[in-house]
Amino acid sequence: MAQLRHDHKKFADLNTKILVVVPNGPVMINRYLAKHPTPYTILSDKGSRVAKMYFQDQKFFSLGTPTVILIERGGKIAFTHYADSFIEEPDNLEPLAVLETMTPYL
C-alpha cells in the first residue's frame, strides 16, 4: 500500500478515489494506520461480505493476494491486476495509464 500512498496525487489528478478493501477487522486496520497514515480509505471487510456483493470477478476471492481493481462509476471493472505473492506490491503505472484513457465523468 506504500505505492498507493506515493502515487495518491496522480490518482487524485485523474479524479480517482482509492478504496482499499481488506479482510482484516478494524483493530488490525487501526494498528496499521497508526504506523502508516494513508490519504485514502481502508475498508474493513472481515468475512468478505462486501467483496462478494460488489466484485464481479470471482478470481479475487480465491487468491487472497494483493489485487488492484479499477471500477468505473457505472460499476464495471476497467482494470484488474492479481499479485503473484503476498509481499508483491503492484506497480501503479498500468492502472494510471488505463485511467488516463477513460472518459471523465462531468
PDB file of N, CA and C in Angstrom:
ATOM      1  N   MET A   1       0.812  -1.199   0.000  1.00  0.00           N
ATOM      2  CA  MET A   1       0.000   0.000   0.000  1.00  0.00           C
ATOM      3  C   MET A   1       0.857   1.266   0.000  1.00  0.00           C
ATOM      4  N   ALA A   2       2.145   1.112   0.186  1.00  0.00           N
ATOM      5  CA  ALA A   2       3.030   2.274   0.160  1.00  0.00           C
ATOM      6  C   ALA A   2       3.021   2.927  -1.220  1.00  0.00           C
ATOM      7  N   GLN A   3       2.934   2.100  -2.261  1.00  0.00           N
ATOM      8  CA  GLN A   3       2.918   2.651  -3.617  1.00  0.00           C
ATOM      9  C   GLN A   3       1.657   3.483  -3.860  1.00  0.00           C
ATOM     10  N   LEU A   4       0.532   3.070  -3.315  1.00  0.00           N
ATOM     11  CA  LEU A   4      -0.695   3.867  -3.435  1.00  0.00           C
ATOM     12  C   LEU A   4      -0.543   5.206  -2.733  1.00  0.00           C
ATOM     13  N   ARG A   5       0.083   5.183  -1.570  1.00  0.00           N
ATOM     14  CA  ARG A   5       0.325   6.418  -0.823  1.00  0.00           C
ATOM     15  C   ARG A   5       1.240   7.337  -1.633  1.00  0.00           C
ATOM     16  N   HIS A   6       2.289   6.759  -2.217  1.00  0.00           N
ATOM     17  CA  HIS A   6       3.249   7.519  -3.006  1.00  0.00           C
ATOM     18  C   HIS A   6       2.608   8.167  -4.247  1.00  0.00           C
ATOM     19  N   ASP A   7       1.723   7.445  -4.919  1.00  0.00           N
ATOM     20  CA  ASP A   7       1.105   7.925  -6.159  1.00  0.00           C
ATOM     21  C   ASP A   7      -0.284   8.524  -5.963  1.00  0.00           C
ATOM     22  N   HIS A   8      -0.684   8.773  -4.733  1.00  0.00           N
ATOM     23  CA  HIS A   8      -2.039   9.258  -4.457  1.00  0.00           C
ATOM     24  C   HIS A   8      -2.383  10.508  -5.255  1.00  0.00           C
ATOM     25  N   LYS A   9      -1.473  11.463  -5.359  1.00  0.00           N
ATOM     26  CA  LYS A   9      -1.753  12.710  -6.097  1.00  0.00           C
ATOM     27  C   LYS A   9      -2.021  12.420  -7.573  1.00  0.00           C
ATOM     28  N   LYS A  10      -1.307  11.481  -8.158  1.00  0.00           N
ATOM     29  CA  LYS A  10      -1.527  11.127  -9.565  1.00  0.00           C
ATOM     30  C   LYS A  10      -2.950  10.601  -9.761  1.00  0.00           C
ATOM     31  N   PHE A  11      -3.407   9.751  -8.835  1.00  0.00           N
ATOM     32  CA  PHE A  11      -4.783   9.245  -8.919  1.00  0.00           C
ATOM     33  C   PHE A  11      -5.789  10.383  -8.719  1.00  0.00           C
ATOM     34  N   ALA A  12      -5.529  11.242  -7.742  1.00  0.00           N
ATOM     35  CA  ALA A  12      -6.426  12.376  -7.470  1.00  0.00           C
ATOM     36  C   ALA A  12      -6.499  13.305  -8.676  1.00  0.00           C
ATOM     37  N   ASP A  13      -5.374  13.535  -9.346  1.00  0.00           N
ATOM     38  CA  ASP A  13      -5.364  14.384 -10.547  1.00  0.00           C
ATOM     39  C   ASP A  13      -6.216  13.798 -11.671  1.00  0.00           C
ATOM     40  N   LEU A  14      -6.430  12.496 -11.641  1.00  0.00           N
ATOM     41  CA  LEU A  14      -7.281  11.822 -12.635  1.00  0.00           C
ATOM     42  C   LEU A  14      -8.703  11.623 -12.100  1.00  0.00           C
ATOM     43  N   ASN A  15      -9.053  12.388 -11.054  1.00  0.00           N
ATOM     44  CA  ASN A  15     -10.394  12.359 -10.460  1.00  0.00           C
ATOM     45  C   ASN A  15     -10.776  10.943 -10.017  1.00  0.00           C
ATOM     46  N   THR A  16      -9.812  10.267  -9.376  1.00  0.00           N
ATOM     47  CA  THR A  16     -10.000   8.892  -8.952  1.00  0.00           C
ATOM     48  C   THR A  16      -9.922   8.795  -7.434  1.00  0.00           C
ATOM     49  N   LYS A  17     -10.853   8.094  -6.848  1.00  0.00           N
ATOM     50  CA  LYS A  17     -10.850   7.816  -5.415  1.00  0.00           C
ATOM     51  C   LYS A  17     -10.293   6.421  -5.206  1.00  0.00           C
ATOM     52  N   ILE A  18      -9.465   6.266  -4.187  1.00  0.00           N
ATOM     53  CA  ILE A  18      -8.886   4.967  -3.860  1.00  0.00           C
ATOM     54  C   ILE A  18      -9.599   4.414  -2.636  1.00  0.00           C
ATOM     55  N   LEU A  19     -10.017   3.184  -2.746  1.00  0.00           N
ATOM     56  CA  LEU A  19     -10.612   2.458  -1.630  1.00  0.00           C
ATOM     57  C   LEU A  19      -9.900   1.118  -1.539  1.00  0.00           C
ATOM     58  N   VAL A  20      -9.255   0.874  -0.420  1.00  0.00           N
ATOM     59  CA  VAL A  20      -8.575  -0.394  -0.201  1.00  0.00           C
ATOM     60  C   VAL A  20      -9.496  -1.253   0.652  1.00  0.00           C
ATOM     61  N   VAL A  21      -9.818  -2.429   0.167  1.00  0.00           N
ATOM     62  CA  VAL A  21     -10.685  -3.356   0.884  1.00  0.00           C
ATOM     63  C   VAL A  21      -9.811  -4.494   1.400  1.00  0.00           C
ATOM     64  N   VAL A  22      -9.858  -4.707   2.710  1.00  0.00           N
ATOM     65  CA  VAL A  22      -9.045  -5.762   3.314  1.00  0.00           C
ATOM     66  C   VAL A  22      -9.925  -6.680   4.156  1.00  0.00           C
ATOM     67  N   PRO A  23      -9.546  -7.941   4.270  1.00  0.00           N
ATOM     68  CA  PRO A  23     -10.353  -8.869   5.049  1.00  0.00           C
ATOM     69  C   PRO A  23     -10.085  -8.801   6.553  1.00  0.00           C
ATOM     70  N   ASN A  24      -9.291  -7.826   6.990  1.00  0.00           N
ATOM     71  CA  ASN A  24      -8.960  -7.672   8.404  1.00  0.00           C
ATOM     72  C   ASN A  24     -10.036  -6.883   9.127  1.00  0.00           C
ATOM     73  N   GLY A  25     -10.084  -7.065  10.452  1.00  0.00           N
ATOM     74  CA  GLY A  25     -11.009  -6.302  11.275  1.00  0.00           C
ATOM     75  C   GLY A  25     -10.464  -4.916  11.585  1.00  0.00           C
ATOM     76  N   PRO A  26     -11.284  -4.066  12.206  1.00  0.00           N
ATOM     77  CA  PRO A  26     -10.892  -2.691  12.486  1.00  0.00           C
ATOM     78  C   PRO A  26      -9.683  -2.558  13.409  1.00  0.00           C
ATOM     79  N   VAL A  27      -9.471  -3.494  14.320  1.00  0.00           N
ATOM     80  CA  VAL A  27      -8.316  -3.406  15.220  1.00  0.00           C
ATOM     81  C   VAL A  27      -7.016  -3.481  14.419  1.00  0.00           C
ATOM     82  N   MET A  28      -6.923  -4.437  13.502  1.00  0.00           N
ATOM     83  CA  MET A  28      -5.724  -4.581  12.667  1.00  0.00           C
ATOM     84  C   MET A  28      -5.531  -3.365  11.771  1.00  0.00           C
ATOM     85  N   ILE A  29      -6.614  -2.854  11.216  1.00  0.00           N
ATOM     86  CA  ILE A  29      -6.525  -1.678  10.345  1.00  0.00           C
ATOM     87  C   ILE A  29      -6.052  -0.472  11.141  1.00  0.00           C
ATOM     88  N   ASN A  30      -6.594  -0.253  12.321  1.00  0.00           N
ATOM     89  CA  ASN A  30      -6.186   0.882  13.142  1.00  0.00           C
ATOM     90  C   ASN A  30      -4.728   0.782  13.560  1.00  0.00           C
ATOM     91  N   ARG A  31      -4.253  -0.430  13.841  1.00  0.00           N
ATOM     92  CA  ARG A  31      -2.830  -0.630  14.149  1.00  0.00           C
ATOM     93  C   ARG A  31      -1.962  -0.222  12.963  1.00  0.00           C
ATOM     94  N   TYR A  32      -2.374  -0.649  11.777  1.00  0.00           N
ATOM     95  CA  TYR A  32      -1.628  -0.303  10.566  1.00  0.00           C
ATOM     96  C   TYR A  32      -1.631   1.216  10.358  1.00  0.00           C
ATOM     97  N   LEU A  33      -2.803   1.837  10.479  1.00  0.00           N
ATOM     98  CA  LEU A  33      -2.919   3.271  10.241  1.00  0.00           C
ATOM     99  C   LEU A  33      -2.144   4.104  11.265  1.00  0.00           C
ATOM    100  N   ALA A  34      -1.997   3.595  12.475  1.00  0.00           N
ATOM    101  CA  ALA A  34      -1.221   4.313  13.493  1.00  0.00           C
ATOM    102  C   ALA A  34       0.246   4.435  13.077  1.00  0.00           C
ATOM    103  N   LYS A  35       0.737   3.431  12.369  1.00  0.00           N
ATOM    104  CA  LYS A  35       2.132   3.438  11.916  1.00  0.00           C
ATOM    105  C   LYS A  35       2.292   3.995  10.508  1.00  0.00           C
ATOM    106  N   HIS A  36       1.244   3.852   9.690  1.00  0.00           N
ATOM    107  CA  HIS A  36       1.325   4.221   8.267  1.00  0.00           C
ATOM    108  C   HIS A  36       0.067   4.984   7.862  1.00  0.00           C
ATOM    109  N   PRO A  37      -0.055   6.264   8.225  1.00  0.00           N
ATOM    110  CA  PRO A  37      -1.258   7.019   7.831  1.00  0.00           C
ATOM    111  C   PRO A  37      -1.417   7.023   6.303  1.00  0.00           C
ATOM    112  N   THR A  38      -2.648   6.927   5.843  1.00  0.00           N
ATOM    113  CA  THR A  38      -2.904   6.883   4.403  1.00  0.00           C
ATOM    114  C   THR A  38      -3.830   8.022   3.980  1.00  0.00           C
ATOM    115  N   PRO A  39      -3.661   8.528   2.763  1.00  0.00           N
ATOM    116  CA  PRO A  39      -4.551   9.566   2.247  1.00  0.00           C
ATOM    117  C   PRO A  39      -5.806   8.989   1.587  1.00  0.00           C
ATOM    118  N   TYR A  40      -6.023   7.700   1.724  1.00  0.00           N
ATOM    119  CA  TYR A  40      -7.176   7.028   1.133  1.00  0.00           C
ATOM    120  C   TYR A  40      -7.881   6.211   2.205  1.00  0.00           C
ATOM    121  N   THR A  41      -9.045   5.721   1.876  1.00  0.00           N
ATOM    122  CA  THR A  41      -9.868   4.966   2.820  1.00  0.00           C
ATOM    123  C   THR A  41      -9.512   3.483   2.782  1.00  0.00           C
ATOM    124  N   ILE A  42      -9.458   2.868   3.960  1.00  0.00           N
ATOM    125  CA  ILE A  42      -9.297   1.419   4.064  1.00  0.00           C
ATOM    126  C   ILE A  42     -10.576   0.870   4.672  1.00  0.00           C
ATOM    127  N   LEU A  43     -11.212  -0.035   3.963  1.00  0.00           N
ATOM    128  CA  LEU A  43     -12.470  -0.623   4.399  1.00  0.00           C
ATOM    129  C   LEU A  43     -12.232  -1.998   5.014  1.00  0.00           C
ATOM    130  N   SER A  44     -12.729  -2.188   6.225  1.00  0.00           N
ATOM    131  CA  SER A  44     -12.678  -3.491   6.872  1.00  0.00           C
ATOM    132  C   SER A  44     -13.806  -4.347   6.306  1.00  0.00           C
ATOM    133  N   ASP A  45     -13.434  -5.467   5.714  1.00  0.00           N
ATOM    134  CA  ASP A  45     -14.423  -6.372   5.133  1.00  0.00           C
ATOM    135  C   ASP A  45     -14.202  -7.779   5.663  1.00  0.00           C
ATOM    136  N   LYS A  46     -14.193  -7.885   6.987  1.00  0.00           N
ATOM    137  CA  LYS A  46     -13.988  -9.190   7.618  1.00  0.00           C
ATOM    138  C   LYS A  46     -15.123 -10.125   7.181  1.00  0.00           C
ATOM    139  N   GLY A  47     -14.757 -11.277   6.679  1.00  0.00           N
ATOM    140  CA  GLY A  47     -15.736 -12.211   6.151  1.00  0.00           C
ATOM    141  C   GLY A  47     -16.014 -11.995   4.666  1.00  0.00           C
ATOM    142  N   SER A  48     -15.412 -10.963   4.069  1.00  0.00           N
ATOM    143  CA  SER A  48     -15.504 -10.656   2.625  1.00  0.00           C
ATOM    144  C   SER A  48     -16.930 -10.458   2.130  1.00  0.00           C
ATOM    145  N   ARG A  49     -17.819  -9.981   2.983  1.00  0.00           N
ATOM    146  CA  ARG A  49     -19.218  -9.789   2.555  1.00  0.00           C
ATOM    147  C   ARG A  49     -19.343  -8.700   1.492  1.00  0.00           C
ATOM    148  N   VAL A  50     -18.630  -7.583   1.663  1.00  0.00           N
ATOM    149  CA  VAL A  50     -18.707  -6.507   0.666  1.00  0.00           C
ATOM    150  C   VAL A  50     -18.109  -6.979  -0.650  1.00  0.00           C
ATOM    151  N   ALA A  51     -16.958  -7.632  -0.578  1.00  0.00           N
ATOM    152  CA  ALA A  51     -16.317  -8.124  -1.795  1.00  0.00           C
ATOM    153  C   ALA A  51     -17.237  -9.073  -2.553  1.00  0.00           C
ATOM    154  N   LYS A  52     -17.892  -9.956  -1.847  1.00  0.00           N
ATOM    155  CA  LYS A  52     -18.776 -10.921  -2.506  1.00  0.00           C
ATOM    156  C   LYS A  52     -19.977 -10.238  -3.158  1.00  0.00           C
ATOM    157  N   MET A  53     -20.467  -9.153  -2.556  1.00  0.00           N
ATOM    158  CA  MET A  53     -21.621  -8.447  -3.125  1.00  0.00           C
ATOM    159  C   MET A  53     -21.223  -7.553  -4.291  1.00  0.00           C
ATOM    160  N   TYR A  54     -20.024  -6.963  -4.230  1.00  0.00           N
ATOM    161  CA  TYR A  54     -19.676  -5.930  -5.196  1.00  0.00           C
ATOM    162  C   TYR A  54     -18.849  -6.414  -6.369  1.00  0.00           C
ATOM    163  N   PHE A  55     -17.793  -7.144  -6.101  1.00  0.00           N
ATOM    164  CA  PHE A  55     -16.877  -7.502  -7.183  1.00  0.00           C
ATOM    165  C   PHE A  55     -17.488  -8.533  -8.112  1.00  0.00           C
ATOM    166  N   GLN A  56     -17.257  -8.296  -9.410  1.00  0.00           N
ATOM    167  CA  GLN A  56     -17.809  -9.163 -10.441  1.00  0.00           C
ATOM    168  C   GLN A  56     -16.823 -10.260 -10.828  1.00  0.00           C
ATOM    169  N   ASP A  57     -15.610 -10.174 -10.333  1.00  0.00           N
ATOM    170  CA  ASP A  57     -14.543 -11.081 -10.743  1.00  0.00           C
ATOM    171  C   ASP A  57     -14.292 -12.102  -9.642  1.00  0.00           C
ATOM    172  N   GLN A  58     -14.692 -13.345  -9.848  1.00  0.00           N
ATOM    173  CA  GLN A  58     -14.608 -14.370  -8.813  1.00  0.00           C
ATOM    174  C   GLN A  58     -13.180 -14.790  -8.495  1.00  0.00           C
ATOM    175  N   LYS A  59     -12.227 -14.543  -9.402  1.00  0.00           N
ATOM    176  CA  LYS A  59     -10.833 -14.912  -9.148  1.00  0.00           C
ATOM    177  C   LYS A  59     -10.302 -14.189  -7.908  1.00  0.00           C
ATOM    178  N   PHE A  60     -10.827 -13.001  -7.643  1.00  0.00           N
ATOM    179  CA  PHE A  60     -10.415 -12.187  -6.498  1.00  0.00           C
ATOM    180  C   PHE A  60     -10.533 -12.959  -5.189  1.00  0.00           C
ATOM    181  N   PHE A  61     -11.570 -13.744  -5.042  1.00  0.00           N
ATOM    182  CA  PHE A  61     -11.841 -14.413  -3.773  1.00  0.00           C
ATOM    183  C   PHE A  61     -10.895 -15.577  -3.507  1.00  0.00           C
ATOM    184  N   SER A  62     -10.462 -16.245  -4.540  1.00  0.00           N
ATOM    185  CA  SER A  62      -9.698 -17.468  -4.328  1.00  0.00           C
ATOM    186  C   SER A  62      -8.215 -17.221  -4.094  1.00  0.00           C
ATOM    187  N   LEU A  63      -7.680 -16.117  -4.554  1.00  0.00           N
ATOM    188  CA  LEU A  63      -6.239 -15.901  -4.457  1.00  0.00           C
ATOM    189  C   LEU A  63      -5.785 -15.416  -3.089  1.00  0.00           C
ATOM    190  N   GLY A  64      -6.447 -14.408  -2.552  1.00  0.00           N
ATOM    191  CA  GLY A  64      -6.055 -13.869  -1.271  1.00  0.00           C
ATOM    192  C   GLY A  64      -4.791 -13.036  -1.317  1.00  0.00           C
ATOM    193  N   THR A  65      -4.226 -12.794  -2.486  1.00  0.00           N
ATOM    194  CA  THR A  65      -3.037 -11.961  -2.619  1.00  0.00           C
ATOM    195  C   THR A  65      -3.456 -10.547  -2.989  1.00  0.00           C
ATOM    196  N   PRO A  66      -2.548  -9.567  -2.845  1.00  0.00           N
ATOM    197  CA  PRO A  66      -2.916  -8.190  -3.198  1.00  0.00           C
ATOM    198  C   PRO A  66      -3.459  -8.102  -4.624  1.00  0.00           C
ATOM    199  N   THR A  67      -4.525  -7.384  -4.768  1.00  0.00           N
ATOM    200  CA  THR A  67      -5.213  -7.251  -6.043  1.00  0.00           C
ATOM    201  C   THR A  67      -5.569  -5.794  -6.272  1.00  0.00           C
ATOM    202  N   VAL A  68      -5.380  -5.313  -7.493  1.00  0.00           N
ATOM    203  CA  VAL A  68      -5.797  -3.966  -7.859  1.00  0.00           C
ATOM    204  C   VAL A  68      -6.975  -4.105  -8.809  1.00  0.00           C
ATOM    205  N   ILE A  69      -8.080  -3.464  -8.479  1.00  0.00           N
ATOM    206  CA  ILE A  69      -9.256  -3.481  -9.341  1.00  0.00           C
ATOM    207  C   ILE A  69      -9.710  -2.041  -9.515  1.00  0.00           C
ATOM    208  N   LEU A  70      -9.767  -1.570 -10.765  1.00  0.00           N
ATOM    209  CA  LEU A  70     -10.303  -0.245 -11.064  1.00  0.00           C
ATOM    210  C   LEU A  70     -11.749  -0.414 -11.483  1.00  0.00           C
ATOM    211  N   ILE A  71     -12.635   0.272 -10.793  1.00  0.00           N
ATOM    212  CA  ILE A  71     -14.057   0.171 -11.088  1.00  0.00           C
ATOM    213  C   ILE A  71     -14.561   1.537 -11.501  1.00  0.00           C
ATOM    214  N   GLU A  72     -15.158   1.619 -12.679  1.00  0.00           N
ATOM    215  CA  GLU A  72     -15.692   2.892 -13.144  1.00  0.00           C
ATOM    216  C   GLU A  72     -16.958   3.239 -12.371  1.00  0.00           C
ATOM    217  N   ARG A  73     -17.403   4.474 -12.504  1.00  0.00           N
ATOM    218  CA  ARG A  73     -18.584   4.925 -11.759  1.00  0.00           C
ATOM    219  C   ARG A  73     -19.817   4.085 -12.018  1.00  0.00           C
ATOM    220  N   GLY A  74     -19.923   3.515 -13.192  1.00  0.00           N
ATOM    221  CA  GLY A  74     -21.074   2.680 -13.522  1.00  0.00           C
ATOM    222  C   GLY A  74     -21.003   1.299 -12.892  1.00  0.00           C
ATOM    223  N   GLY A  75     -19.882   0.972 -12.219  1.00  0.00           N
ATOM    224  CA  GLY A  75     -19.750  -0.302 -11.543  1.00  0.00           C
ATOM    225  C   GLY A  75     -19.033  -1.369 -12.356  1.00  0.00           C
ATOM    226  N   LYS A  76     -18.597  -1.039 -13.572  1.00  0.00           N
ATOM    227  CA  LYS A  76     -17.901  -2.002 -14.416  1.00  0.00           C
ATOM    228  C   LYS A  76     -16.412  -2.018 -14.073  1.00  0.00           C
ATOM    229  N   ILE A  77     -15.822  -3.218 -14.030  1.00  0.00           N
ATOM    230  CA  ILE A  77     -14.391  -3.345 -13.785  1.00  0.00           C
ATOM    231  C   ILE A  77     -13.646  -2.936 -15.046  1.00  0.00           C
ATOM    232  N   ALA A  78     -12.740  -1.947 -14.903  1.00  0.00           N
ATOM    233  CA  ALA A  78     -11.985  -1.433 -16.042  1.00  0.00           C
ATOM    234  C   ALA A  78     -10.572  -2.009 -16.097  1.00  0.00           C
ATOM    235  N   PHE A  79     -10.071  -2.489 -14.973  1.00  0.00           N
ATOM    236  CA  PHE A  79      -8.698  -2.998 -14.916  1.00  0.00           C
ATOM    237  C   PHE A  79      -8.565  -3.908 -13.699  1.00  0.00           C
ATOM    238  N   THR A  80      -7.815  -4.991 -13.846  1.00  0.00           N
ATOM    239  CA  THR A  80      -7.554  -5.896 -12.727  1.00  0.00           C
ATOM    240  C   THR A  80      -6.113  -6.376 -12.787  1.00  0.00           C
ATOM    241  N   HIS A  81      -5.465  -6.401 -11.631  1.00  0.00           N
ATOM    242  CA  HIS A  81      -4.120  -6.976 -11.511  1.00  0.00           C
ATOM    243  C   HIS A  81      -4.092  -7.849 -10.266  1.00  0.00           C
ATOM    244  N   TYR A  82      -3.625  -9.086 -10.418  1.00  0.00           N
ATOM    245  CA  TYR A  82      -3.508 -10.016  -9.299  1.00  0.00           C
ATOM    246  C   TYR A  82      -2.025 -10.207  -8.992  1.00  0.00           C
ATOM    247  N   ALA A  83      -1.626  -9.941  -7.771  1.00  0.00           N
ATOM    248  CA  ALA A  83      -0.231 -10.132  -7.373  1.00  0.00           C
ATOM    249  C   ALA A  83       0.083 -11.625  -7.343  1.00  0.00           C
ATOM    250  N   ASP A  84       1.349 -11.944  -7.538  1.00  0.00           N
ATOM    251  CA  ASP A  84       1.780 -13.341  -7.522  1.00  0.00           C
ATOM    252  C   ASP A  84       2.129 -13.835  -6.122  1.00  0.00           C
ATOM    253  N   SER A  85       2.276 -12.895  -5.168  1.00  0.00           N
ATOM    254  CA  SER A  85       2.601 -13.292  -3.807  1.00  0.00           C
ATOM    255  C   SER A  85       2.027 -12.275  -2.828  1.00  0.00           C
ATOM    256  N   PHE A  86       2.073 -12.608  -1.547  1.00  0.00           N
ATOM    257  CA  PHE A  86       1.548 -11.716  -0.523  1.00  0.00           C
ATOM    258  C   PHE A  86       2.399 -10.469  -0.345  1.00  0.00           C
ATOM    259  N   ILE A  87       3.672 -10.527  -0.708  1.00  0.00           N
ATOM    260  CA  ILE A  87       4.548  -9.372  -0.496  1.00  0.00           C
ATOM    261  C   ILE A  87       4.682  -8.485  -1.732  1.00  0.00           C
ATOM    262  N   GLU A  88       4.196  -8.954  -2.869  1.00  0.00           N
ATOM    263  CA  GLU A  88       4.267  -8.133  -4.081  1.00  0.00           C
ATOM    264  C   GLU A  88       3.340  -6.935  -3.942  1.00  0.00           C
ATOM    265  N   GLU A  89       3.872  -5.769  -4.281  1.00  0.00           N
ATOM    266  CA  GLU A  89       3.032  -4.584  -4.321  1.00  0.00           C
ATOM    267  C   GLU A  89       2.903  -4.168  -5.781  1.00  0.00           C
ATOM    268  N   PRO A  90       1.703  -4.227  -6.336  1.00  0.00           N
ATOM    269  CA  PRO A  90       1.524  -3.915  -7.751  1.00  0.00           C
ATOM    270  C   PRO A  90       1.998  -2.505  -8.089  1.00  0.00           C
ATOM    271  N   ASP A  91       2.583  -2.364  -9.259  1.00  0.00           N
ATOM    272  CA  ASP A  91       3.020  -1.069  -9.764  1.00  0.00           C
ATOM    273  C   ASP A  91       1.791  -0.285 -10.216  1.00  0.00           C
ATOM    274  N   ASN A  92       1.817   1.017 -10.069  1.00  0.00           N
ATOM    275  CA  ASN A  92       0.665   1.842 -10.446  1.00  0.00           C
ATOM    276  C   ASN A  92       0.725   2.367 -11.872  1.00  0.00           C
ATOM    277  N   LEU A  93       1.794   2.093 -12.608  1.00  0.00           N
ATOM    278  CA  LEU A  93       1.921   2.631 -13.965  1.00  0.00           C
ATOM    279  C   LEU A  93       0.785   2.175 -14.881  1.00  0.00           C
ATOM    280  N   GLU A  94       0.482   0.894 -14.868  1.00  0.00           N
ATOM    281  CA  GLU A  94      -0.562   0.379 -15.760  1.00  0.00           C
ATOM    282  C   GLU A  94      -1.958   0.893 -15.396  1.00  0.00           C
ATOM    283  N   PRO A  95      -2.373   0.844 -14.107  1.00  0.00           N
ATOM    284  CA  PRO A  95      -3.698   1.389 -13.802  1.00  0.00           C
ATOM    285  C   PRO A  95      -3.799   2.888 -14.076  1.00  0.00           C
ATOM    286  N   LEU A  96      -2.716   3.642 -13.847  1.00  0.00           N
ATOM    287  CA  LEU A  96      -2.754   5.074 -14.162  1.00  0.00           C
ATOM    288  C   LEU A  96      -2.912   5.297 -15.662  1.00  0.00           C
ATOM    289  N   ALA A  97      -2.249   4.474 -16.477  1.00  0.00           N
ATOM    290  CA  ALA A  97      -2.387   4.581 -17.938  1.00  0.00           C
ATOM    291  C   ALA A  97      -3.819   4.279 -18.364  1.00  0.00           C
ATOM    292  N   VAL A  98      -4.448   3.279 -17.747  1.00  0.00           N
ATOM    293  CA  VAL A  98      -5.845   2.950 -18.056  1.00  0.00           C
ATOM    294  C   VAL A  98      -6.745   4.129 -17.698  1.00  0.00           C
ATOM    295  N   LEU A  99      -6.531   4.713 -16.531  1.00  0.00           N
ATOM    296  CA  LEU A  99      -7.346   5.855 -16.102  1.00  0.00           C
ATOM    297  C   LEU A  99      -7.215   7.044 -17.051  1.00  0.00           C
ATOM    298  N   GLU A 100      -6.025   7.254 -17.572  1.00  0.00           N
ATOM    299  CA  GLU A 100      -5.805   8.368 -18.495  1.00  0.00           C
ATOM    300  C   GLU A 100      -6.586   8.213 -19.791  1.00  0.00           C
ATOM    301  N   THR A 101      -6.909   6.973 -20.174  1.00  0.00           N
ATOM    302  CA  THR A 101      -7.641   6.745 -21.416  1.00  0.00           C
ATOM    303  C   THR A 101      -9.150   6.744 -21.228  1.00  0.00           C
ATOM    304  N   MET A 102      -9.597   6.709 -19.972  1.00  0.00           N
ATOM    305  CA  MET A 102     -11.033   6.654 -19.719  1.00  0.00           C
ATOM    306  C   MET A 102     -11.663   8.045 -19.856  1.00  0.00           C
ATOM    307  N   THR A 103     -12.888   8.080 -20.367  1.00  0.00           N
ATOM    308  CA  THR A 103     -13.618   9.326 -20.498  1.00  0.00           C
ATOM    309  C   THR A 103     -14.050   9.805 -19.118  1.00  0.00           C
ATOM    310  N   PRO A 104     -13.662  11.029 -18.740  1.00  0.00           N
ATOM    311  CA  PRO A 104     -14.041  11.510 -17.405  1.00  0.00           C
ATOM    312  C   PRO A 104     -15.545  11.811 -17.315  1.00  0.00           C
ATOM    313  N   TYR A 105     -16.085  11.599 -16.130  1.00  0.00           N
ATOM    314  CA  TYR A 105     -17.480  11.963 -15.870  1.00  0.00           C
ATOM    315  C   TYR A 105     -17.543  13.440 -15.535  1.00  0.00           C
ATOM    316  N   LEU A 106     -18.528  14.120 -16.061  1.00  0.00           N
ATOM    317  CA  LEU A 106     -18.661  15.559 -15.788  1.00  0.00           C
ATOM    318  C   LEU A 106     -19.636  15.809 -14.679  1.00  0.00           C
TER     319      LEU A 106
END
